[in-house]
Amino acid sequence: MGSGEDWGIAYLWPASRAMLRSSPPFLWEHNAWQNVAIAGLLMALVLWSGWKRGRTVLELASEKADRAVVETLRARFGIPA
């Protein structure tokens, strides 16, 4: 869903409604293994950073939830050196 040849890109919108449609050989579906692998890698990086630094991006929404996540990570994996 949301990928394929029928989804053009209007680079000059709103000046022009012309759509650029091309089919480069390196395209893949949205639910392809490449996207799943990248998402998993980024999630692992975020969790590692939270464990190591004691802060996550969750602190933007809730400091209490951020502390809970960091405490859980450190209880599971130990306190970083």
Protein backbone atom coordinates (compact mmCIF):
# COMPACT_ATOMS: atom_id res chain seq x y z
CA MET A 1 0.00 0.00 0.00
CA GLY A 2 1.39 3.39 -0.92
CA SER A 3 4.05 2.12 -3.28
CA GLY A 4 4.28 1.16 -6.91
CA GLU A 5 4.29 2.83 -10.28
CA ASP A 6 0.95 4.64 -9.81
CA TRP A 7 2.35 6.86 -7.04
CA GLY A 8 4.09 9.77 -8.70
CA ILE A 9 5.84 12.68 -7.00
CA ALA A 10 4.71 16.26 -7.65
CA TYR A 11 8.03 18.03 -7.13
CA LEU A 12 6.76 21.43 -8.29
CA TRP A 13 3.44 21.41 -6.41
CA PRO A 14 1.58 23.80 -5.98
CA ALA A 15 3.02 25.60 -9.01
CA SER A 16 2.43 22.55 -11.18
CA ARG A 17 0.41 19.40 -10.72
CA ALA A 18 2.68 17.47 -13.08
CA MET A 19 3.68 14.14 -11.55
CA LEU A 20 7.07 12.51 -12.00
CA ARG A 21 6.65 8.79 -12.53
CA SER A 22 9.62 6.53 -12.87
CA SER A 23 10.54 2.97 -11.97
CA PRO A 24 14.15 2.84 -10.84
CA PRO A 25 15.43 -0.71 -10.33
CA PHE A 26 16.25 -0.12 -6.64
CA LEU A 27 12.65 0.41 -5.41
CA TRP A 28 11.07 -1.98 -2.89
CA GLU A 29 7.69 -2.28 -1.19
CA HIS A 30 7.02 -0.48 2.09
CA ASN A 31 6.81 -3.72 4.05
CA ALA A 32 9.95 -5.22 2.51
CA TRP A 33 12.73 -6.72 4.64
CA GLN A 34 14.94 -3.69 4.02
CA ASN A 35 12.52 -1.37 5.83
CA VAL A 36 12.00 -3.88 8.66
CA ALA A 37 15.77 -4.24 9.09
CA ILE A 38 16.33 -0.46 9.15
CA ALA A 39 13.48 0.04 11.65
CA GLY A 40 14.87 -2.71 13.91
CA LEU A 41 18.36 -1.26 13.75
CA LEU A 42 17.15 2.24 14.61
CA MET A 43 15.02 0.94 17.49
CA ALA A 44 18.01 -0.94 18.89
CA LEU A 45 20.12 2.23 18.58
CA VAL A 46 17.51 4.29 20.45
CA LEU A 47 17.27 1.70 23.25
CA TRP A 48 21.07 1.43 23.50
CA SER A 49 21.34 5.20 23.69
CA GLY A 50 18.71 5.30 26.43
CA TRP A 51 20.56 2.63 28.40
CA LYS A 52 23.95 4.30 27.97
CA ARG A 53 23.01 7.97 28.45
CA GLY A 54 20.06 7.58 30.83
CA ARG A 55 17.74 9.55 28.55
CA THR A 56 15.44 8.65 25.68
CA VAL A 57 13.33 10.65 23.24
CA LEU A 58 10.37 9.72 25.43
CA GLU A 59 11.40 12.49 27.83
CA LEU A 60 9.89 14.97 25.37
CA ALA A 61 6.45 13.59 26.21
CA SER A 62 6.87 12.37 29.79
CA GLU A 63 9.84 12.48 32.13
CA LYS A 64 8.21 9.88 34.36
CA ALA A 65 7.81 7.43 31.47
CA ASP A 66 11.38 8.17 30.35
CA ARG A 67 12.72 7.31 33.82
CA ALA A 68 10.69 4.10 33.82
CA VAL A 69 12.13 3.02 30.46
CA VAL A 70 15.70 3.83 31.50
CA GLU A 71 15.29 2.04 34.84
CA THR A 72 13.87 -1.01 33.07
CA LEU A 73 16.75 -1.07 30.56
CA ARG A 74 19.34 -0.71 33.31
CA ALA A 75 17.66 -3.36 35.49
CA ARG A 76 17.72 -5.77 32.55
CA PHE A 77 21.18 -5.01 31.13
CA GLY A 78 23.01 -3.48 34.09
CA ILE A 79 24.38 -0.01 34.64
CA PRO A 80 26.82 1.11 31.92
CA ALA A 81 30.45 1.67 32.82
